[in-house]
Amino acid sequence: MKKTLIAAALAIASLAAHAQGSLELSELRGVVDPGGITGYISGIATNTSGARIDHATITINLLNAQGEILGTTSASGSGLAPGQHWRFRAPTSMPYDVSVVAMVKAS
């Protein structure tokens, strides 16, 4: 349980804010269930472009303390108007130490 709580805290620290082209990420945080295994990474994605985003995918790597990738999680959304906010959740199903935004795609 202690390791999982640390993982959630590190996830928050490592995902402060991320911008990729026309999609800006903010308020990223890791949440772990009371059992300590499953949870999610949540945040807000904002369309900072002047055009509609038909499809967006946010991919997040889950790493151990040595920086090795244990797994990935992602969230997908569609139909984001210019300036619109999308509250996303990417599920996690394993303990991890650090989470890092690996890729943000918007088209």
N, C-alpha and C. Protein backbone atom coordinates (compact mmCIF):
# COMPACT_ATOMS: atom_id res chain seq x y z
N MET A 1 0.83 -1.19 0.00
CA MET A 1 0.00 0.00 0.00
C MET A 1 0.87 1.25 0.00
N LYS A 2 1.96 1.25 0.82
CA LYS A 2 2.84 2.42 0.90
C LYS A 2 3.43 2.75 -0.47
N LYS A 3 3.91 1.72 -1.19
CA LYS A 3 4.50 1.95 -2.50
C LYS A 3 3.47 2.54 -3.47
N THR A 4 2.25 2.08 -3.40
CA THR A 4 1.22 2.58 -4.30
C THR A 4 0.90 4.04 -4.02
N LEU A 5 0.84 4.42 -2.74
CA LEU A 5 0.61 5.83 -2.40
C LEU A 5 1.74 6.70 -2.91
N ILE A 6 2.97 6.21 -2.80
CA ILE A 6 4.11 6.94 -3.33
C ILE A 6 3.98 7.08 -4.84
N ALA A 7 3.54 6.01 -5.49
CA ALA A 7 3.36 6.05 -6.95
C ALA A 7 2.39 7.14 -7.35
N ALA A 8 1.29 7.26 -6.63
CA ALA A 8 0.31 8.30 -6.96
C ALA A 8 0.91 9.68 -6.78
N ALA A 9 1.67 9.88 -5.72
CA ALA A 9 2.30 11.18 -5.47
C ALA A 9 3.31 11.51 -6.56
N LEU A 10 4.12 10.54 -6.96
CA LEU A 10 5.10 10.78 -8.02
C LEU A 10 4.42 11.05 -9.34
N ALA A 11 3.30 10.40 -9.59
CA ALA A 11 2.57 10.64 -10.83
C ALA A 11 2.13 12.08 -10.91
N ILE A 12 1.66 12.60 -9.81
CA ILE A 12 1.23 14.00 -9.78
C ILE A 12 2.41 14.91 -10.09
N ALA A 13 3.54 14.64 -9.47
CA ALA A 13 4.72 15.49 -9.65
C ALA A 13 5.25 15.44 -11.08
N SER A 14 5.22 14.26 -11.69
CA SER A 14 5.83 14.13 -13.01
C SER A 14 4.93 14.61 -14.14
N LEU A 15 3.65 14.86 -13.88
CA LEU A 15 2.73 15.26 -14.92
C LEU A 15 2.18 16.67 -14.68
N ALA A 16 3.01 17.60 -14.37
CA ALA A 16 2.56 18.95 -14.02
C ALA A 16 1.78 19.61 -15.15
N ALA A 17 2.38 19.79 -16.30
CA ALA A 17 1.69 20.37 -17.45
C ALA A 17 2.43 19.94 -18.71
N HIS A 18 1.70 19.72 -19.76
CA HIS A 18 2.30 19.22 -20.99
C HIS A 18 1.55 19.82 -22.16
N ALA A 19 2.28 20.37 -23.10
CA ALA A 19 1.64 20.92 -24.30
C ALA A 19 2.19 20.22 -25.53
N GLN A 20 1.32 19.86 -26.43
CA GLN A 20 1.73 19.20 -27.67
C GLN A 20 0.91 19.80 -28.80
N GLY A 21 1.49 20.75 -29.50
CA GLY A 21 0.79 21.33 -30.64
C GLY A 21 -0.48 22.04 -30.22
N SER A 22 -1.61 21.49 -30.62
CA SER A 22 -2.89 22.14 -30.40
C SER A 22 -3.63 21.64 -29.16
N LEU A 23 -3.02 20.75 -28.39
CA LEU A 23 -3.66 20.20 -27.20
C LEU A 23 -2.77 20.42 -25.99
N GLU A 24 -3.27 21.13 -24.99
CA GLU A 24 -2.50 21.42 -23.78
C GLU A 24 -3.08 20.64 -22.61
N LEU A 25 -2.20 19.94 -21.86
CA LEU A 25 -2.62 19.14 -20.72
C LEU A 25 -2.34 19.89 -19.42
N SER A 26 -3.26 19.79 -18.47
CA SER A 26 -3.07 20.41 -17.17
C SER A 26 -3.80 19.60 -16.10
N GLU A 27 -3.58 19.95 -14.85
CA GLU A 27 -4.22 19.32 -13.70
C GLU A 27 -4.10 17.80 -13.71
N LEU A 28 -2.94 17.30 -14.13
CA LEU A 28 -2.73 15.86 -14.19
C LEU A 28 -2.44 15.30 -12.81
N ARG A 29 -3.08 14.16 -12.49
CA ARG A 29 -2.84 13.53 -11.20
C ARG A 29 -3.12 12.05 -11.29
N GLY A 30 -2.43 11.31 -10.42
CA GLY A 30 -2.63 9.87 -10.33
C GLY A 30 -3.49 9.56 -9.12
N VAL A 31 -4.45 8.66 -9.30
CA VAL A 31 -5.34 8.24 -8.23
C VAL A 31 -5.28 6.72 -8.15
N VAL A 32 -5.13 6.20 -6.93
CA VAL A 32 -5.06 4.76 -6.71
C VAL A 32 -6.19 4.35 -5.80
N ASP A 33 -6.83 3.22 -6.11
CA ASP A 33 -7.93 2.74 -5.28
C ASP A 33 -7.43 2.31 -3.90
N PRO A 34 -8.32 2.16 -2.93
CA PRO A 34 -7.91 1.78 -1.58
C PRO A 34 -7.17 0.44 -1.52
N GLY A 35 -7.43 -0.46 -2.46
CA GLY A 35 -6.72 -1.75 -2.50
C GLY A 35 -5.29 -1.63 -2.98
N GLY A 36 -4.96 -0.51 -3.62
CA GLY A 36 -3.58 -0.25 -4.00
C GLY A 36 -3.14 -0.77 -5.35
N ILE A 37 -4.02 -1.30 -6.16
CA ILE A 37 -3.61 -1.85 -7.46
C ILE A 37 -4.14 -1.00 -8.61
N THR A 38 -5.44 -0.90 -8.74
CA THR A 38 -6.01 -0.18 -9.88
C THR A 38 -6.23 1.29 -9.54
N GLY A 39 -6.45 2.07 -10.56
CA GLY A 39 -6.71 3.50 -10.38
C GLY A 39 -6.78 4.15 -11.74
N TYR A 40 -6.39 5.42 -11.78
CA TYR A 40 -6.41 6.13 -13.05
C TYR A 40 -5.53 7.38 -12.97
N ILE A 41 -5.21 7.91 -14.12
CA ILE A 41 -4.53 9.19 -14.24
C ILE A 41 -5.54 10.11 -14.90
N SER A 42 -5.79 11.24 -14.29
CA SER A 42 -6.78 12.16 -14.83
C SER A 42 -6.15 13.51 -15.12
N GLY A 43 -6.86 14.30 -15.89
CA GLY A 43 -6.38 15.63 -16.22
C GLY A 43 -7.37 16.35 -17.12
N ILE A 44 -6.94 17.52 -17.55
CA ILE A 44 -7.74 18.31 -18.47
C ILE A 44 -6.91 18.56 -19.73
N ALA A 45 -7.49 18.29 -20.87
CA ALA A 45 -6.87 18.59 -22.16
C ALA A 45 -7.66 19.74 -22.78
N THR A 46 -6.96 20.77 -23.21
CA THR A 46 -7.60 21.95 -23.78
C THR A 46 -7.16 22.12 -25.23
N ASN A 47 -8.12 22.32 -26.10
CA ASN A 47 -7.83 22.59 -27.51
C ASN A 47 -7.41 24.05 -27.62
N THR A 48 -6.12 24.27 -27.83
CA THR A 48 -5.56 25.63 -27.90
C THR A 48 -5.46 26.13 -29.34
N SER A 49 -5.94 25.34 -30.28
CA SER A 49 -5.87 25.77 -31.68
C SER A 49 -7.15 26.52 -32.05
N GLY A 50 -7.17 27.02 -33.24
CA GLY A 50 -8.35 27.70 -33.74
C GLY A 50 -9.24 26.78 -34.56
N ALA A 51 -8.95 25.47 -34.52
CA ALA A 51 -9.70 24.51 -35.33
C ALA A 51 -10.21 23.37 -34.46
N ARG A 52 -11.25 22.73 -34.92
CA ARG A 52 -11.82 21.56 -34.24
C ARG A 52 -10.83 20.41 -34.28
N ILE A 53 -10.72 19.67 -33.18
CA ILE A 53 -9.93 18.44 -33.14
C ILE A 53 -10.92 17.28 -33.23
N ASP A 54 -10.84 16.54 -34.32
CA ASP A 54 -11.78 15.44 -34.52
C ASP A 54 -11.46 14.25 -33.61
N HIS A 55 -10.18 13.98 -33.39
CA HIS A 55 -9.79 12.85 -32.54
C HIS A 55 -8.50 13.18 -31.79
N ALA A 56 -8.47 12.85 -30.51
CA ALA A 56 -7.28 13.07 -29.68
C ALA A 56 -7.00 11.83 -28.86
N THR A 57 -5.71 11.49 -28.72
CA THR A 57 -5.29 10.38 -27.88
C THR A 57 -4.12 10.84 -27.02
N ILE A 58 -4.20 10.54 -25.72
CA ILE A 58 -3.13 10.84 -24.78
C ILE A 58 -2.61 9.50 -24.28
N THR A 59 -1.30 9.26 -24.46
CA THR A 59 -0.67 8.01 -24.03
C THR A 59 0.31 8.32 -22.90
N ILE A 60 0.23 7.53 -21.83
CA ILE A 60 1.05 7.75 -20.64
C ILE A 60 1.79 6.46 -20.31
N ASN A 61 3.12 6.55 -20.13
CA ASN A 61 3.92 5.41 -19.73
C ASN A 61 3.95 5.32 -18.21
N LEU A 62 3.89 4.09 -17.69
CA LEU A 62 3.98 3.82 -16.27
C LEU A 62 5.34 3.16 -16.03
N LEU A 63 6.17 3.78 -15.19
CA LEU A 63 7.54 3.34 -14.99
C LEU A 63 7.81 2.90 -13.56
N ASN A 64 8.82 2.03 -13.40
CA ASN A 64 9.27 1.68 -12.06
C ASN A 64 10.34 2.68 -11.62
N ALA A 65 10.89 2.49 -10.44
CA ALA A 65 11.88 3.43 -9.89
C ALA A 65 13.15 3.49 -10.72
N GLN A 66 13.44 2.44 -11.50
CA GLN A 66 14.63 2.42 -12.35
C GLN A 66 14.39 3.05 -13.72
N GLY A 67 13.19 3.53 -13.96
CA GLY A 67 12.87 4.16 -15.24
C GLY A 67 12.45 3.20 -16.32
N GLU A 68 12.23 1.95 -15.97
CA GLU A 68 11.79 0.95 -16.95
C GLU A 68 10.28 1.05 -17.12
N ILE A 69 9.82 0.91 -18.35
CA ILE A 69 8.39 0.98 -18.63
C ILE A 69 7.74 -0.34 -18.20
N LEU A 70 6.76 -0.22 -17.31
CA LEU A 70 6.01 -1.38 -16.84
C LEU A 70 4.76 -1.59 -17.69
N GLY A 71 4.23 -0.52 -18.22
CA GLY A 71 3.01 -0.57 -19.02
C GLY A 71 2.64 0.81 -19.51
N THR A 72 1.55 0.88 -20.22
CA THR A 72 1.06 2.16 -20.72
C THR A 72 -0.45 2.23 -20.47
N THR A 73 -0.95 3.43 -20.50
CA THR A 73 -2.38 3.67 -20.44
C THR A 73 -2.69 4.82 -21.38
N SER A 74 -3.94 4.92 -21.78
CA SER A 74 -4.30 6.01 -22.69
C SER A 74 -5.76 6.40 -22.52
N ALA A 75 -6.06 7.56 -23.06
CA ALA A 75 -7.43 8.06 -23.11
C ALA A 75 -7.64 8.65 -24.49
N SER A 76 -8.84 8.47 -25.03
CA SER A 76 -9.17 9.01 -26.35
C SER A 76 -10.44 9.83 -26.26
N GLY A 77 -10.47 10.91 -27.03
CA GLY A 77 -11.64 11.77 -27.08
C GLY A 77 -11.84 12.28 -28.49
N SER A 78 -12.99 12.87 -28.73
CA SER A 78 -13.26 13.38 -30.08
C SER A 78 -14.16 14.59 -30.02
N GLY A 79 -14.11 15.37 -31.10
CA GLY A 79 -14.99 16.52 -31.26
C GLY A 79 -14.71 17.67 -30.32
N LEU A 80 -13.43 18.04 -30.15
CA LEU A 80 -13.08 19.16 -29.28
C LEU A 80 -13.07 20.46 -30.08
N ALA A 81 -13.97 21.34 -29.74
CA ALA A 81 -14.04 22.65 -30.40
C ALA A 81 -12.88 23.53 -29.93
N PRO A 82 -12.52 24.58 -30.68
CA PRO A 82 -11.47 25.49 -30.24
C PRO A 82 -11.77 26.05 -28.84
N GLY A 83 -10.79 25.96 -27.94
CA GLY A 83 -10.94 26.45 -26.58
C GLY A 83 -11.66 25.51 -25.64
N GLN A 84 -12.19 24.42 -26.14
CA GLN A 84 -12.96 23.49 -25.30
C GLN A 84 -12.03 22.65 -24.43
N HIS A 85 -12.52 22.31 -23.21
CA HIS A 85 -11.79 21.48 -22.26
C HIS A 85 -12.37 20.07 -22.26
N TRP A 86 -11.48 19.08 -22.13
CA TRP A 86 -11.88 17.68 -22.05
C TRP A 86 -11.28 17.11 -20.76
N ARG A 87 -12.11 16.68 -19.83
CA ARG A 87 -11.66 16.02 -18.61
C ARG A 87 -11.52 14.54 -18.94
N PHE A 88 -10.28 14.05 -18.93
CA PHE A 88 -10.02 12.67 -19.31
C PHE A 88 -9.56 11.82 -18.13
N ARG A 89 -9.72 10.51 -18.29
CA ARG A 89 -9.23 9.52 -17.33
C ARG A 89 -8.59 8.38 -18.10
N ALA A 90 -7.38 8.03 -17.72
CA ALA A 90 -6.68 6.89 -18.32
C ALA A 90 -6.51 5.85 -17.21
N PRO A 91 -7.11 4.67 -17.34
CA PRO A 91 -7.08 3.68 -16.26
C PRO A 91 -5.69 3.07 -16.05
N THR A 92 -5.38 2.75 -14.80
CA THR A 92 -4.14 2.04 -14.46
C THR A 92 -4.52 0.74 -13.78
N SER A 93 -3.77 -0.31 -14.03
CA SER A 93 -4.10 -1.62 -13.47
C SER A 93 -2.93 -2.30 -12.79
N MET A 94 -1.89 -1.52 -12.48
CA MET A 94 -0.71 -2.08 -11.84
C MET A 94 -0.01 -1.00 -11.01
N PRO A 95 0.73 -1.40 -9.99
CA PRO A 95 1.52 -0.42 -9.25
C PRO A 95 2.64 0.14 -10.13
N TYR A 96 2.99 1.40 -9.96
CA TYR A 96 4.06 2.03 -10.71
C TYR A 96 4.65 3.13 -9.82
N ASP A 97 5.85 3.60 -10.16
CA ASP A 97 6.51 4.63 -9.38
C ASP A 97 6.38 6.02 -9.99
N VAL A 98 6.43 6.09 -11.31
CA VAL A 98 6.39 7.37 -12.01
C VAL A 98 5.54 7.21 -13.27
N SER A 99 4.78 8.24 -13.61
CA SER A 99 4.06 8.24 -14.88
C SER A 99 4.53 9.42 -15.71
N VAL A 100 4.66 9.17 -17.01
CA VAL A 100 5.19 10.18 -17.93
C VAL A 100 4.32 10.23 -19.18
N VAL A 101 3.92 11.41 -19.58
CA VAL A 101 3.19 11.55 -20.83
C VAL A 101 4.13 11.17 -21.96
N ALA A 102 3.77 10.14 -22.70
CA ALA A 102 4.63 9.63 -23.77
C ALA A 102 4.27 10.23 -25.12
N MET A 103 2.95 10.47 -25.35
CA MET A 103 2.54 10.96 -26.65
C MET A 103 1.18 11.61 -26.55
N VAL A 104 1.03 12.69 -27.30
CA VAL A 104 -0.26 13.35 -27.43
C VAL A 104 -0.51 13.52 -28.93
N LYS A 105 -1.59 12.93 -29.41
CA LYS A 105 -1.93 13.04 -30.84
C LYS A 105 -3.26 13.75 -30.97
N ALA A 106 -3.30 14.70 -31.87
CA ALA A 106 -4.55 15.43 -32.14
C ALA A 106 -4.66 15.61 -33.64
N SER A 107 -5.83 15.26 -34.18
CA SER A 107 -6.03 15.42 -35.63
C SER A 107 -7.46 15.84 -35.91
